[in-house]
C-alpha atoms as a PDB file:
ATOM      1  CA  MET A   1      -3.157  -4.198 -25.619  1.00  0.00           C
ATOM      2  CA  HIS A   2      -4.335  -7.810 -25.334  1.00  0.00           C
ATOM      3  CA  LYS A   3      -8.139  -8.147 -25.705  1.00  0.00           C
ATOM      4  CA  THR A   4      -8.566  -9.919 -22.346  1.00  0.00           C
ATOM      5  CA  ILE A   5      -6.706  -7.168 -20.510  1.00  0.00           C
ATOM      6  CA  THR A   6      -8.692  -4.493 -22.344  1.00  0.00           C
ATOM      7  CA  ALA A   7     -11.890  -6.200 -21.165  1.00  0.00           C
ATOM      8  CA  TRP A   8     -10.602  -6.290 -17.577  1.00  0.00           C
ATOM      9  CA  LEU A   9     -10.332  -2.491 -17.611  1.00  0.00           C
ATOM     10  CA  GLU A  10     -14.148  -2.415 -17.920  1.00  0.00           C
ATOM     11  CA  LYS A  11     -14.757  -4.748 -14.962  1.00  0.00           C
ATOM     12  CA  THR A  12     -15.583  -3.937 -11.356  1.00  0.00           C
ATOM     13  CA  ARG A  13     -13.352  -5.117  -8.524  1.00  0.00           C
ATOM     14  CA  ASN A  14     -15.891  -7.840  -7.668  1.00  0.00           C
ATOM     15  CA  GLU A  15     -15.920  -9.072 -11.272  1.00  0.00           C
ATOM     16  CA  LEU A  16     -12.106  -9.180 -11.332  1.00  0.00           C
ATOM     17  CA  ASP A  17     -12.118 -11.044  -8.019  1.00  0.00           C
ATOM     18  CA  ASP A  18     -14.503 -13.637  -9.500  1.00  0.00           C
ATOM     19  CA  ILE A  19     -12.182 -14.123 -12.506  1.00  0.00           C
ATOM     20  CA  TYR A  20      -9.220 -14.498 -10.138  1.00  0.00           C
ATOM     21  CA  ARG A  21     -11.046 -17.010  -7.895  1.00  0.00           C
ATOM     22  CA  GLN A  22     -11.889 -19.200 -10.912  1.00  0.00           C
ATOM     23  CA  ALA A  23      -8.276 -19.330 -12.132  1.00  0.00           C
ATOM     24  CA  LYS A  24      -5.490 -21.680 -11.062  1.00  0.00           C
ATOM     25  CA  PRO A  25      -1.972 -20.387 -10.327  1.00  0.00           C
ATOM     26  CA  GLY A  26      -0.714 -21.713 -13.634  1.00  0.00           C
ATOM     27  CA  THR A  27       2.896 -21.610 -14.728  1.00  0.00           C
ATOM     28  CA  ILE A  28       5.138 -19.056 -13.056  1.00  0.00           C
ATOM     29  CA  PRO A  29       6.375 -16.731 -15.794  1.00  0.00           C
ATOM     30  CA  ASN A  30      10.071 -16.831 -16.653  1.00  0.00           C
ATOM     31  CA  GLY A  31      11.511 -13.807 -18.400  1.00  0.00           C
ATOM     32  CA  ASP A  32       9.992 -10.502 -19.429  1.00  0.00           C
ATOM     33  CA  THR A  33       6.323  -9.546 -19.017  1.00  0.00           C
ATOM     34  CA  ASP A  34       4.317  -6.478 -19.949  1.00  0.00           C
ATOM     35  CA  GLY A  35       2.194  -5.034 -17.172  1.00  0.00           C
ATOM     36  CA  THR A  36      -1.012  -3.050 -16.985  1.00  0.00           C
ATOM     37  CA  ALA A  37      -2.265  -1.375 -13.809  1.00  0.00           C
ATOM     38  CA  ILE A  38      -6.007  -1.852 -13.275  1.00  0.00           C
ATOM     39  CA  ALA A  39      -7.328   0.873 -10.970  1.00  0.00           C
ATOM     40  CA  VAL A  40     -10.991  -0.113 -10.699  1.00  0.00           C
ATOM     41  CA  ALA A  41     -11.389   1.795  -7.432  1.00  0.00           C
ATOM     42  CA  PHE A  42     -11.822   4.945  -9.542  1.00  0.00           C
ATOM     43  CA  GLY A  43     -14.468   3.340 -11.750  1.00  0.00           C
ATOM     44  CA  SER A  44     -14.074   1.694 -15.137  1.00  0.00           C
ATOM     45  CA  GLY A  45     -14.292   5.055 -16.920  1.00  0.00           C
ATOM     46  CA  TYR A  46     -10.961   6.088 -15.451  1.00  0.00           C
ATOM     47  CA  ALA A  47      -9.280   2.675 -15.566  1.00  0.00           C
ATOM     48  CA  LYS A  48      -8.021   3.064 -19.143  1.00  0.00           C
ATOM     49  CA  THR A  49      -6.563   6.495 -18.421  1.00  0.00           C
ATOM     50  CA  VAL A  50      -4.889   5.348 -15.216  1.00  0.00           C
ATOM     51  CA  ALA A  51      -3.487   2.282 -17.019  1.00  0.00           C
ATOM     52  CA  ALA A  52      -2.047   4.410 -19.829  1.00  0.00           C
ATOM     53  CA  VAL A  53      -0.496   6.988 -17.484  1.00  0.00           C
ATOM     54  CA  ALA A  54       0.942   4.289 -15.195  1.00  0.00           C
ATOM     55  CA  LYS A  55       2.439   2.448 -18.171  1.00  0.00           C
ATOM     56  CA  LEU A  56       4.008   5.592 -19.555  1.00  0.00           C
ATOM     57  CA  PHE A  57       5.429   7.073 -16.350  1.00  0.00           C
ATOM     58  CA  ALA A  58       5.500   4.500 -13.564  1.00  0.00           C
ATOM     59  CA  TRP A  59       5.315   0.724 -14.136  1.00  0.00           C
ATOM     60  CA  GLN A  60       5.683  -1.347 -17.307  1.00  0.00           C
ATOM     61  CA  GLY A  61       5.818  -4.915 -15.982  1.00  0.00           C
ATOM     62  CA  LYS A  62       8.103  -7.449 -14.338  1.00  0.00           C
ATOM     63  CA  VAL A  63      11.093  -9.573 -15.302  1.00  0.00           C
ATOM     64  CA  PHE A  64      11.017 -13.037 -13.701  1.00  0.00           C
ATOM     65  CA  ASP A  65      14.137 -15.127 -13.075  1.00  0.00           C
ATOM     66  CA  MET A  66      13.076 -18.582 -11.929  1.00  0.00           C
ATOM     67  CA  PHE A  67      15.537 -21.022 -10.388  1.00  0.00           C
ATOM     68  CA  PRO A  68      16.107 -24.439 -11.991  1.00  0.00           C
ATOM     69  CA  PRO A  69      15.521 -27.302 -11.863  1.00  0.00           C
ATOM     70  CA  ASP A  70      11.801 -27.060 -11.003  1.00  0.00           C
ATOM     71  CA  GLN A  71      11.287 -23.312 -11.498  1.00  0.00           C
ATOM     72  CA  GLN A  72       8.923 -23.137  -8.514  1.00  0.00           C
ATOM     73  CA  ARG A  73      10.929 -20.393  -6.761  1.00  0.00           C
ATOM     74  CA  GLY A  74      12.782 -17.377  -8.011  1.00  0.00           C
ATOM     75  CA  ILE A  75      13.033 -13.628  -8.012  1.00  0.00           C
ATOM     76  CA  LEU A  76      11.735 -10.794 -10.126  1.00  0.00           C
ATOM     77  CA  ILE A  77      12.578  -7.196 -10.810  1.00  0.00           C
ATOM     78  CA  ASN A  78       9.969  -4.558 -11.661  1.00  0.00           C
ATOM     79  CA  LYS A  79      10.287  -2.385 -14.764  1.00  0.00           C
ATOM     80  CA  VAL A  80       9.641   1.224 -13.780  1.00  0.00           C
ATOM     81  CA  THR A  81      10.003   4.794 -15.110  1.00  0.00           C
ATOM     82  CA  PRO A  82       9.499   5.792 -18.744  1.00  0.00           C
ATOM     83  CA  PHE A  83      12.752   3.950 -19.548  1.00  0.00           C
ATOM     84  CA  SER A  84      11.687   0.561 -18.077  1.00  0.00           C
ATOM     85  CA  LEU A  85      14.575   0.619 -15.616  1.00  0.00           C
ATOM     86  CA  THR A  86      14.664  -2.510 -13.504  1.00  0.00           C
ATOM     87  CA  PHE A  87      14.610  -2.290  -9.746  1.00  0.00           C
ATOM     88  CA  ILE A  88      12.521  -3.293  -6.723  1.00  0.00           C
ATOM     89  CA  ILE A  89      13.307  -6.978  -6.308  1.00  0.00           C
ATOM     90  CA  ALA A  90      10.885  -9.586  -4.942  1.00  0.00           C
ATOM     91  CA  LYS A  91      10.861 -13.296  -4.152  1.00  0.00           C
ATOM     92  CA  VAL A  92       8.482 -15.457  -6.220  1.00  0.00           C
ATOM     93  CA  TYR A  93       6.900 -18.710  -5.040  1.00  0.00           C
ATOM     94  CA  GLN A  94       3.543 -20.471  -4.672  1.00  0.00           C
ATOM     95  CA  ASP A  95       1.508 -20.186  -1.480  1.00  0.00           C
ATOM     96  CA  LYS A  96      -2.067 -19.558  -0.353  1.00  0.00           C
ATOM     97  CA  SER A  97      -3.850 -16.442  -1.575  1.00  0.00           C
ATOM     98  CA  TRP A  98      -4.932 -13.834   0.928  1.00  0.00           C
ATOM     99  CA  LEU A  99      -8.060 -13.335  -1.188  1.00  0.00           C
ATOM    100  CA  ASP A 100      -9.487 -16.858  -1.094  1.00  0.00           C
ATOM    101  CA  GLY A 101      -6.993 -19.199   0.619  1.00  0.00           C
ATOM    102  CA  GLU A 102      -6.343 -21.163  -2.588  1.00  0.00           C
ATOM    103  CA  GLN A 103      -2.933 -21.642  -4.250  1.00  0.00           C
ATOM    104  CA  THR A 104      -1.514 -18.635  -6.057  1.00  0.00           C
ATOM    105  CA  ILE A 105       1.799 -17.254  -7.270  1.00  0.00           C
ATOM    106  CA  VAL A 106       3.116 -14.868  -4.611  1.00  0.00           C
ATOM    107  CA  ILE A 107       5.410 -11.930  -5.324  1.00  0.00           C
ATOM    108  CA  ASP A 108       6.877 -11.059  -1.930  1.00  0.00           C
ATOM    109  CA  TYR A 109       8.824  -7.846  -1.288  1.00  0.00           C
ATOM    110  CA  SER A 110       8.975  -8.156   2.522  1.00  0.00           C
ATOM    111  CA  THR A 111      12.643  -9.196   2.744  1.00  0.00           C
ATOM    112  CA  THR A 112      14.020  -7.840  -0.532  1.00  0.00           C
ATOM    113  CA  SER A 113      12.936  -4.195  -0.726  1.00  0.00           C
ATOM    114  CA  PHE A 114      12.993  -1.377   1.785  1.00  0.00           C
ATOM    115  CA  VAL A 115      10.709   0.731  -0.428  1.00  0.00           C
ATOM    116  CA  ALA A 116       8.121  -2.005  -1.051  1.00  0.00           C
ATOM    117  CA  LYS A 117       8.516  -4.180   2.054  1.00  0.00           C
ATOM    118  CA  LYS A 118       4.785  -3.920   2.884  1.00  0.00           C
ATOM    119  CA  ILE A 119       3.731  -4.955  -0.634  1.00  0.00           C
ATOM    120  CA  ARG A 120       2.612  -8.446  -1.603  1.00  0.00           C
ATOM    121  CA  ASP A 121       1.402  -9.254  -5.111  1.00  0.00           C
ATOM    122  CA  GLU A 122      -0.487 -12.372  -6.095  1.00  0.00           C
ATOM    123  CA  ILE A 123      -1.042 -13.582  -9.660  1.00  0.00           C
ATOM    124  CA  ARG A 124      -2.981 -16.362 -11.353  1.00  0.00           C
ATOM    125  CA  GLU A 125      -2.816 -17.430 -14.984  1.00  0.00           C
ATOM    126  CA  VAL A 126      -6.278 -16.803 -16.432  1.00  0.00           C
ATOM    127  CA  GLU A 127      -5.347 -17.950 -19.925  1.00  0.00           C
ATOM    128  CA  PRO A 128      -1.995 -19.090 -21.332  1.00  0.00           C
ATOM    129  CA  GLY A 129       0.513 -16.316 -20.690  1.00  0.00           C
ATOM    130  CA  VAL A 130      -2.071 -13.864 -19.286  1.00  0.00           C
ATOM    131  CA  TYR A 131      -2.101 -13.229 -15.529  1.00  0.00           C
ATOM    132  CA  LEU A 132      -4.470 -11.326 -13.267  1.00  0.00           C
ATOM    133  CA  GLY A 133      -2.863  -9.896 -10.154  1.00  0.00           C
ATOM    134  CA  LYS A 134      -3.815  -8.422  -6.804  1.00  0.00           C
ATOM    135  CA  VAL A 135      -1.664  -5.917  -4.880  1.00  0.00           C
ATOM    136  CA  TRP A 136      -1.745  -5.809  -1.092  1.00  0.00           C
ATOM    137  CA  TRP A 137      -0.310  -3.048   1.139  1.00  0.00           C
ATOM    138  CA  GLY A 138      -0.059  -4.825   4.461  1.00  0.00           C
ATOM    139  CA  LYS A 139      -3.391  -6.646   4.606  1.00  0.00           C
ATOM    140  CA  THR A 140      -5.251  -4.016   2.539  1.00  0.00           C
ATOM    141  CA  ARG A 141      -5.961  -4.608  -1.154  1.00  0.00           C
ATOM    142  CA  ILE A 142      -5.021  -1.532  -3.123  1.00  0.00           C
ATOM    143  CA  LEU A 143      -4.874  -2.404  -6.809  1.00  0.00           C
ATOM    144  CA  ASP A 144      -5.315  -5.009  -9.507  1.00  0.00           C
ATOM    145  CA  PHE A 145      -2.944  -5.547 -12.426  1.00  0.00           C
ATOM    146  CA  ALA A 146      -2.386  -7.691 -15.472  1.00  0.00           C
ATOM    147  CA  LEU A 147       0.762  -9.311 -16.833  1.00  0.00           C
ATOM    148  CA  ILE A 148       1.285 -10.854 -20.229  1.00  0.00           C
ATOM    149  CA  ARG A 149       4.323 -12.939 -21.159  1.00  0.00           C
ATOM    150  CA  LYS A 150       6.375 -11.538 -24.019  1.00  0.00           C
END
């Protein structure tokens, strides 16, 4: 696991929010990413276990397909199950963050997925190719996650 993401598993939600607020949206990923769930609500002691179990059985990352010529809009498909099957499509674009009102990369499932229609993800590029994300269920924050470009 990338050293930055490993360090994030030790952070509190407030510390992760501060990192997110300091970052710019960055470049929207194009192609395959590896994902790590960050469940800080259970405390940092459990975050590594939750991340490992989620990676093994539930969610491994996202595959982005950005539209030319400017690559500012596109779609993505989540990699799920132990076999990294791809499903649960979302639209990808830049808009204002629900966390702080600043620009962010939005991953919007509201019109593309019956299963995840209440989910909205937001990501910002904290360092080249490394993204910190927030997951919203309706207007409630439920989880943090990390993505790293392959």
